[in-house]
N, C-alpha and C. Protein backbone atom coordinates (compact mmCIF):
# COMPACT_ATOMS: atom_id res chain seq x y z
N ARG A 1 20.68 -17.04 5.80
CA ARG A 1 20.53 -17.48 4.81
C ARG A 1 21.85 -16.98 3.66
N PRO A 2 21.98 -17.77 3.71
CA PRO A 2 22.94 -17.51 2.82
C PRO A 2 22.51 -17.50 1.09
N GLY A 3 22.70 -16.54 0.79
CA GLY A 3 22.55 -15.93 -0.95
C GLY A 3 21.50 -15.39 -0.35
N ARG A 4 20.96 -14.74 0.98
CA ARG A 4 19.91 -13.90 0.73
C ARG A 4 19.84 -12.78 1.12
N LYS A 5 19.43 -11.44 -0.02
CA LYS A 5 19.66 -10.75 0.52
C LYS A 5 18.61 -9.60 1.73
N PRO A 6 18.67 -9.09 2.41
CA PRO A 6 18.56 -8.40 3.95
C PRO A 6 16.51 -7.99 3.34
N PRO A 7 15.81 -7.70 4.21
CA PRO A 7 14.86 -7.17 3.71
C PRO A 7 14.79 -5.18 4.07
N PRO A 8 14.17 -4.88 2.45
CA PRO A 8 14.60 -3.37 2.88
C PRO A 8 14.42 -2.53 3.81
N THR A 9 14.89 -1.44 4.03
CA THR A 9 14.38 -0.16 5.00
C THR A 9 13.63 -0.21 4.73
N GLU A 10 13.13 1.02 5.31
CA GLU A 10 12.20 1.77 6.00
C GLU A 10 11.86 3.58 4.28
N ALA A 11 13.37 3.43 4.52
CA ALA A 11 13.61 3.94 3.73
C ALA A 11 13.92 3.74 2.22
N GLU A 12 14.46 2.74 1.60
CA GLU A 12 14.73 2.29 0.64
C GLU A 12 13.46 1.23 -0.24
N LEU A 13 12.84 0.96 1.27
CA LEU A 13 11.20 0.66 0.58
C LEU A 13 10.20 2.14 -0.10
N ILE A 14 10.67 3.12 1.12
CA ILE A 14 9.72 4.12 0.33
C ILE A 14 10.87 5.09 -0.62
N ASP A 15 11.66 5.05 -1.13
CA ASP A 15 12.26 5.11 -2.40
C ASP A 15 11.60 4.53 -3.38
N LEU A 16 11.79 3.12 -2.81
CA LEU A 16 11.37 1.88 -4.35
C LEU A 16 9.75 2.32 -4.78
N VAL A 17 8.90 2.46 -3.29
CA VAL A 17 8.00 2.73 -3.91
C VAL A 17 7.42 3.82 -4.33
N LEU A 18 7.83 4.92 -4.51
CA LEU A 18 7.95 6.12 -5.14
C LEU A 18 8.70 5.61 -6.37
N GLN A 19 9.74 5.26 -6.81
CA GLN A 19 10.47 5.48 -8.65
C GLN A 19 8.92 4.58 -8.91
N ARG A 20 8.68 3.27 -8.66
CA ARG A 20 7.79 2.83 -9.02
C ARG A 20 6.36 3.69 -9.42
N LEU A 21 6.55 4.75 -8.73
CA LEU A 21 4.77 5.40 -8.76
C LEU A 21 5.11 6.67 -10.31
N GLU A 22 6.64 6.92 -9.67
CA GLU A 22 6.82 8.60 -11.03
C GLU A 22 6.85 7.65 -12.35
N ASP A 23 7.02 6.54 -12.85
CA ASP A 23 6.94 6.11 -14.50
C ASP A 23 5.79 7.05 -14.69
N GLY A 24 4.90 7.30 -13.96
CA GLY A 24 4.01 7.96 -14.77
C GLY A 24 2.60 7.71 -15.00
N SER A 25 2.88 6.23 -14.66
CA SER A 25 1.34 5.03 -14.82
C SER A 25 0.39 5.03 -13.74
N GLY A 26 0.89 5.54 -12.54
CA GLY A 26 -0.02 5.21 -11.36
C GLY A 26 -0.60 4.49 -10.80
N ARG A 27 0.46 3.19 -11.40
CA ARG A 27 -0.34 1.85 -10.51
C ARG A 27 1.51 1.82 -9.58
N LEU A 28 0.61 0.73 -8.38
CA LEU A 28 1.27 0.18 -7.54
C LEU A 28 1.94 -1.41 -7.90
N GLN A 29 2.34 -2.13 -8.11
CA GLN A 29 2.43 -3.57 -8.45
C GLN A 29 3.35 -4.24 -7.13
N LEU A 30 2.57 -4.56 -6.49
CA LEU A 30 3.34 -5.52 -4.71
C LEU A 30 2.76 -6.19 -4.74
N LYS A 31 1.85 -7.45 -6.28
CA LYS A 31 1.54 -8.80 -5.34
C LYS A 31 2.55 -9.71 -5.44
N ASN A 32 2.03 -10.72 -4.20
CA ASN A 32 3.55 -11.44 -3.83
C ASN A 32 4.73 -11.33 -3.30
N ASN A 33 4.45 -10.40 -2.62
CA ASN A 33 5.16 -10.07 -1.38
C ASN A 33 4.84 -9.72 -0.30
N GLN A 34 5.98 -10.34 0.31
CA GLN A 34 5.81 -9.92 1.80
C GLN A 34 5.82 -8.99 2.66
N LEU A 35 4.69 -8.26 2.85
CA LEU A 35 4.82 -6.91 3.74
C LEU A 35 4.46 -7.29 5.20
N GLY A 36 5.06 -6.93 6.17
CA GLY A 36 4.72 -6.94 7.49
C GLY A 36 4.49 -5.56 8.44
N GLU A 37 4.15 -5.22 8.61
CA GLU A 37 3.47 -4.01 9.16
C GLU A 37 4.48 -2.72 8.88
N ALA A 38 5.92 -2.99 9.68
CA ALA A 38 7.23 -2.36 9.08
C ALA A 38 6.64 -1.58 7.91
N GLU A 39 6.50 -2.85 7.23
CA GLU A 39 6.91 -2.61 5.06
C GLU A 39 5.40 -1.37 5.04
N THR A 40 4.43 -2.17 5.10
CA THR A 40 3.23 -2.07 5.41
C THR A 40 2.65 -0.37 6.02
N LYS A 41 3.01 0.14 6.96
CA LYS A 41 3.49 1.43 7.30
C LYS A 41 4.48 2.39 6.23
N ALA A 42 5.42 1.44 5.37
CA ALA A 42 6.62 2.42 4.64
C ALA A 42 5.55 2.94 3.43
N VAL A 43 5.03 1.89 3.08
CA VAL A 43 3.82 1.63 1.80
C VAL A 43 3.12 2.98 2.21
N ALA A 44 2.56 3.15 2.81
CA ALA A 44 1.54 3.99 3.14
C ALA A 44 2.25 5.40 3.50
N SER A 45 3.06 5.02 3.58
CA SER A 45 3.32 6.95 4.46
C SER A 45 3.80 7.04 2.41
N ALA A 46 4.99 6.55 2.00
CA ALA A 46 5.25 6.79 0.14
C ALA A 46 3.96 6.82 -0.89
N LEU A 47 3.30 6.15 0.27
CA LEU A 47 1.59 7.03 -1.15
C LEU A 47 1.46 8.12 -1.25
N CYS A 48 0.99 8.32 1.08
CA CYS A 48 1.04 9.18 1.18
C CYS A 48 1.68 10.96 0.21
N MET A 49 3.33 10.31 0.24
CA MET A 49 4.31 11.25 -0.21
C MET A 49 3.67 11.26 -1.60
N ALA A 50 3.83 10.38 -2.19
CA ALA A 50 3.52 10.16 -4.03
C ALA A 50 2.26 11.41 -4.33
N VAL A 51 0.72 11.89 -3.51
CA VAL A 51 -0.01 12.23 -3.24
C VAL A 51 0.80 13.31 -3.24
N GLY A 52 1.73 13.83 -2.38
CA GLY A 52 2.13 15.52 -2.29
C GLY A 52 3.14 16.05 -3.12
N ARG A 53 3.76 14.70 -4.22
CA ARG A 53 4.54 15.45 -5.15
C ARG A 53 4.05 15.49 -6.72
N GLY A 54 2.48 15.15 -6.11
CA GLY A 54 1.75 15.67 -7.64
C GLY A 54 1.36 14.67 -7.97
N ILE A 55 1.94 12.72 -7.81
CA ILE A 55 1.44 12.02 -8.84
C ILE A 55 0.22 11.55 -8.21
N SER A 56 -0.16 10.64 -9.34
CA SER A 56 -1.61 10.59 -9.48
C SER A 56 -1.64 9.00 -8.73
N VAL A 57 -2.51 8.31 -7.98
CA VAL A 57 -1.81 7.24 -7.74
C VAL A 57 -3.22 6.66 -8.13
N LEU A 58 -3.66 5.17 -9.29
CA LEU A 58 -4.43 5.20 -9.99
C LEU A 58 -4.78 3.39 -9.11
N ALA A 59 -3.76 2.60 -8.90
CA ALA A 59 -4.20 1.40 -8.69
C ALA A 59 -3.14 0.81 -7.56
N VAL A 60 -3.59 0.21 -6.56
CA VAL A 60 -2.17 -0.83 -5.86
C VAL A 60 -2.66 -2.16 -6.00
N ASN A 61 -2.12 -2.81 -5.82
CA ASN A 61 -2.19 -4.31 -5.85
C ASN A 61 -1.43 -4.56 -4.90
N LEU A 62 -1.91 -4.58 -3.85
CA LEU A 62 -1.00 -5.67 -2.73
C LEU A 62 -1.52 -7.17 -2.30
N SER A 63 -2.26 -7.87 -3.97
CA SER A 63 -2.46 -8.74 -3.20
C SER A 63 -1.56 -10.27 -3.08
N SER A 64 -2.07 -11.06 -1.93
CA SER A 64 -0.86 -12.44 -1.46
C SER A 64 -0.10 -11.64 -0.63
N CYS A 65 0.27 -10.47 -0.58
CA CYS A 65 1.32 -9.70 0.19
C CYS A 65 1.28 -10.19 2.27
N GLY A 66 0.71 -10.99 2.81
CA GLY A 66 0.38 -11.76 4.07
C GLY A 66 0.25 -10.19 5.01
N LEU A 67 -0.95 -9.54 4.19
CA LEU A 67 -1.56 -8.21 4.86
C LEU A 67 -2.02 -9.08 6.09
N HIS A 68 -2.57 -8.35 7.45
CA HIS A 68 -3.60 -8.90 8.33
C HIS A 68 -4.21 -7.56 8.90
N ALA A 69 -4.92 -7.65 10.13
CA ALA A 69 -6.09 -6.56 10.64
C ALA A 69 -4.87 -5.01 10.57
N ALA A 70 -4.07 -5.46 11.17
CA ALA A 70 -2.57 -4.97 11.79
C ALA A 70 -2.65 -4.06 10.73
N SER A 71 -1.88 -5.08 9.27
CA SER A 71 -1.14 -3.79 8.30
C SER A 71 -2.11 -3.01 7.57
N MET A 72 -3.27 -3.92 7.94
CA MET A 72 -4.31 -2.74 7.01
C MET A 72 -4.64 -1.47 7.77
N GLU A 73 -4.58 -1.01 9.20
CA GLU A 73 -4.88 0.14 9.58
C GLU A 73 -4.29 0.97 9.08
N SER A 74 -2.58 1.01 9.11
CA SER A 74 -1.78 1.72 8.30
C SER A 74 -1.93 2.14 6.67
N LEU A 75 -2.46 0.90 6.37
CA LEU A 75 -3.36 1.31 4.61
C LEU A 75 -3.73 2.33 5.04
N ALA A 76 -4.93 1.94 5.19
CA ALA A 76 -6.54 2.55 5.75
C ALA A 76 -6.33 3.74 5.95
N ALA A 77 -5.34 4.39 6.90
CA ALA A 77 -4.99 5.62 6.72
C ALA A 77 -4.25 6.61 5.75
N ALA A 78 -3.90 5.79 4.64
CA ALA A 78 -3.45 6.50 3.81
C ALA A 78 -4.14 6.64 2.41
N LEU A 79 -6.08 5.97 2.93
CA LEU A 79 -7.02 6.20 1.25
C LEU A 79 -7.29 7.37 1.60
N PRO A 80 -7.66 8.11 2.28
CA PRO A 80 -8.32 8.71 2.17
C PRO A 80 -7.57 10.24 1.31
N ARG A 81 -6.38 9.76 1.20
CA ARG A 81 -5.07 10.59 0.66
C ARG A 81 -5.18 10.46 -0.91
N LEU A 82 -5.60 9.47 -1.12
CA LEU A 82 -5.49 8.63 -2.39
C LEU A 82 -6.96 9.21 -3.58
N SER A 83 -7.13 10.60 -3.80
CA SER A 83 -8.94 10.90 -4.29
C SER A 83 -8.73 10.75 -5.39
N VAL A 84 -7.48 9.65 -6.67
CA VAL A 84 -8.31 9.26 -7.67
C VAL A 84 -8.10 8.01 -7.32
N LEU A 85 -7.27 7.70 -6.63
CA LEU A 85 -7.68 5.87 -6.91
C LEU A 85 -8.65 5.20 -7.35
N GLN A 86 -8.45 4.48 -7.77
CA GLN A 86 -9.54 3.49 -9.45
C GLN A 86 -9.72 2.03 -9.43
N GLU A 87 -8.42 1.39 -8.38
CA GLU A 87 -8.26 0.48 -7.91
C GLU A 87 -7.29 0.11 -6.99
N LEU A 88 -7.89 -0.76 -6.11
CA LEU A 88 -7.06 -1.28 -4.56
C LEU A 88 -7.60 -3.10 -4.85
N GLN A 89 -6.02 -3.81 -4.76
CA GLN A 89 -6.30 -5.03 -4.72
C GLN A 89 -5.51 -5.55 -3.68
N ILE A 90 -6.71 -6.48 -2.62
CA ILE A 90 -6.10 -6.80 -1.74
C ILE A 90 -6.38 -7.92 -1.40
N SER A 91 -6.62 -9.40 -2.13
CA SER A 91 -6.94 -10.51 -1.93
C SER A 91 -5.88 -11.45 -1.97
N GLY A 92 -5.91 -12.52 -1.24
CA GLY A 92 -4.98 -13.70 -1.27
C GLY A 92 -4.17 -12.90 0.33
N ASN A 93 -5.00 -12.52 1.43
CA ASN A 93 -3.76 -11.51 2.42
C ASN A 93 -5.43 -12.13 3.72
N GLU A 94 -4.96 -12.38 4.47
CA GLU A 94 -5.22 -13.30 6.09
C GLU A 94 -5.77 -11.38 6.79
N LEU A 95 -7.09 -11.13 5.74
CA LEU A 95 -7.92 -10.14 6.64
C LEU A 95 -9.32 -10.37 6.95
N GLY A 96 -10.09 -10.41 7.81
CA GLY A 96 -10.98 -10.93 8.34
C GLY A 96 -12.01 -10.37 8.15
N PRO A 97 -13.32 -9.55 9.05
CA PRO A 97 -13.95 -8.64 8.76
C PRO A 97 -14.01 -7.18 9.50
N SER A 98 -13.24 -7.49 10.47
CA SER A 98 -13.11 -6.26 11.25
C SER A 98 -11.50 -5.53 10.17
N SER A 99 -11.14 -5.68 9.28
CA SER A 99 -10.60 -4.96 8.47
C SER A 99 -11.03 -4.59 6.86
N GLY A 100 -12.10 -5.44 7.03
CA GLY A 100 -13.18 -5.06 5.70
C GLY A 100 -13.56 -3.68 5.65
N LYS A 101 -13.84 -3.51 7.37
CA LYS A 101 -14.81 -2.33 7.87
C LYS A 101 -13.73 -1.54 7.53
N VAL A 102 -12.78 -1.88 8.47
CA VAL A 102 -11.46 -0.34 8.13
C VAL A 102 -11.49 0.33 6.90
N ILE A 103 -11.61 -0.80 5.73
CA ILE A 103 -11.42 -0.72 4.04
C ILE A 103 -11.81 0.11 3.90
N ALA A 104 -13.57 -0.69 3.92
CA ALA A 104 -14.39 -0.12 3.12
C ALA A 104 -14.57 1.58 4.54
N HIS A 105 -15.03 1.47 4.93
CA HIS A 105 -14.56 2.95 6.06
C HIS A 105 -13.85 3.99 5.07
N ALA A 106 -12.45 3.59 4.35
CA ALA A 106 -11.09 4.60 4.55
C ALA A 106 -11.86 4.55 3.10
N LEU A 107 -12.41 3.94 2.16
CA LEU A 107 -12.73 4.13 1.02
C LEU A 107 -14.36 4.99 0.51
N ALA A 108 -15.09 4.76 1.60
CA ALA A 108 -16.44 5.84 1.65
C ALA A 108 -16.12 7.37 1.54
N ALA A 109 -14.43 7.67 2.44
CA ALA A 109 -13.88 8.06 2.91
C ALA A 109 -13.69 8.80 1.66
N LEU A 110 -13.12 7.91 0.35
CA LEU A 110 -13.07 8.24 -0.97
C LEU A 110 -14.00 9.40 -1.69
N SER A 111 -15.08 8.55 -1.56
CA SER A 111 -16.25 8.70 -2.14
C SER A 111 -16.78 9.97 -1.71
N GLY A 112 -15.91 10.60 -0.41
CA GLY A 112 -16.52 11.27 -0.20
C GLY A 112 -18.05 12.11 -0.05
């Protein structure tokens, strides 16, 4: 479509997430951004990179981002690395019971 910019590349999305987390708040706000499976993988990778850089990830808001079961697998794989995570918002997505189980299992790993 004319005037519409293309979606960010994986590297651009990772950089964007890291920049947002490096502000010191520990909060990532991506609510209402449509994220496909590839974008969700990039966000999950960036969250892990942030932790590797010593950034405390306290809250992640992925509400109404078009997430579905396959994209939740990527996110769930990153969650155990987010040891200080206090808030995960994923409402408004197409998540079924299987996604709930995957996320619940990943969050249980956080509480050790």
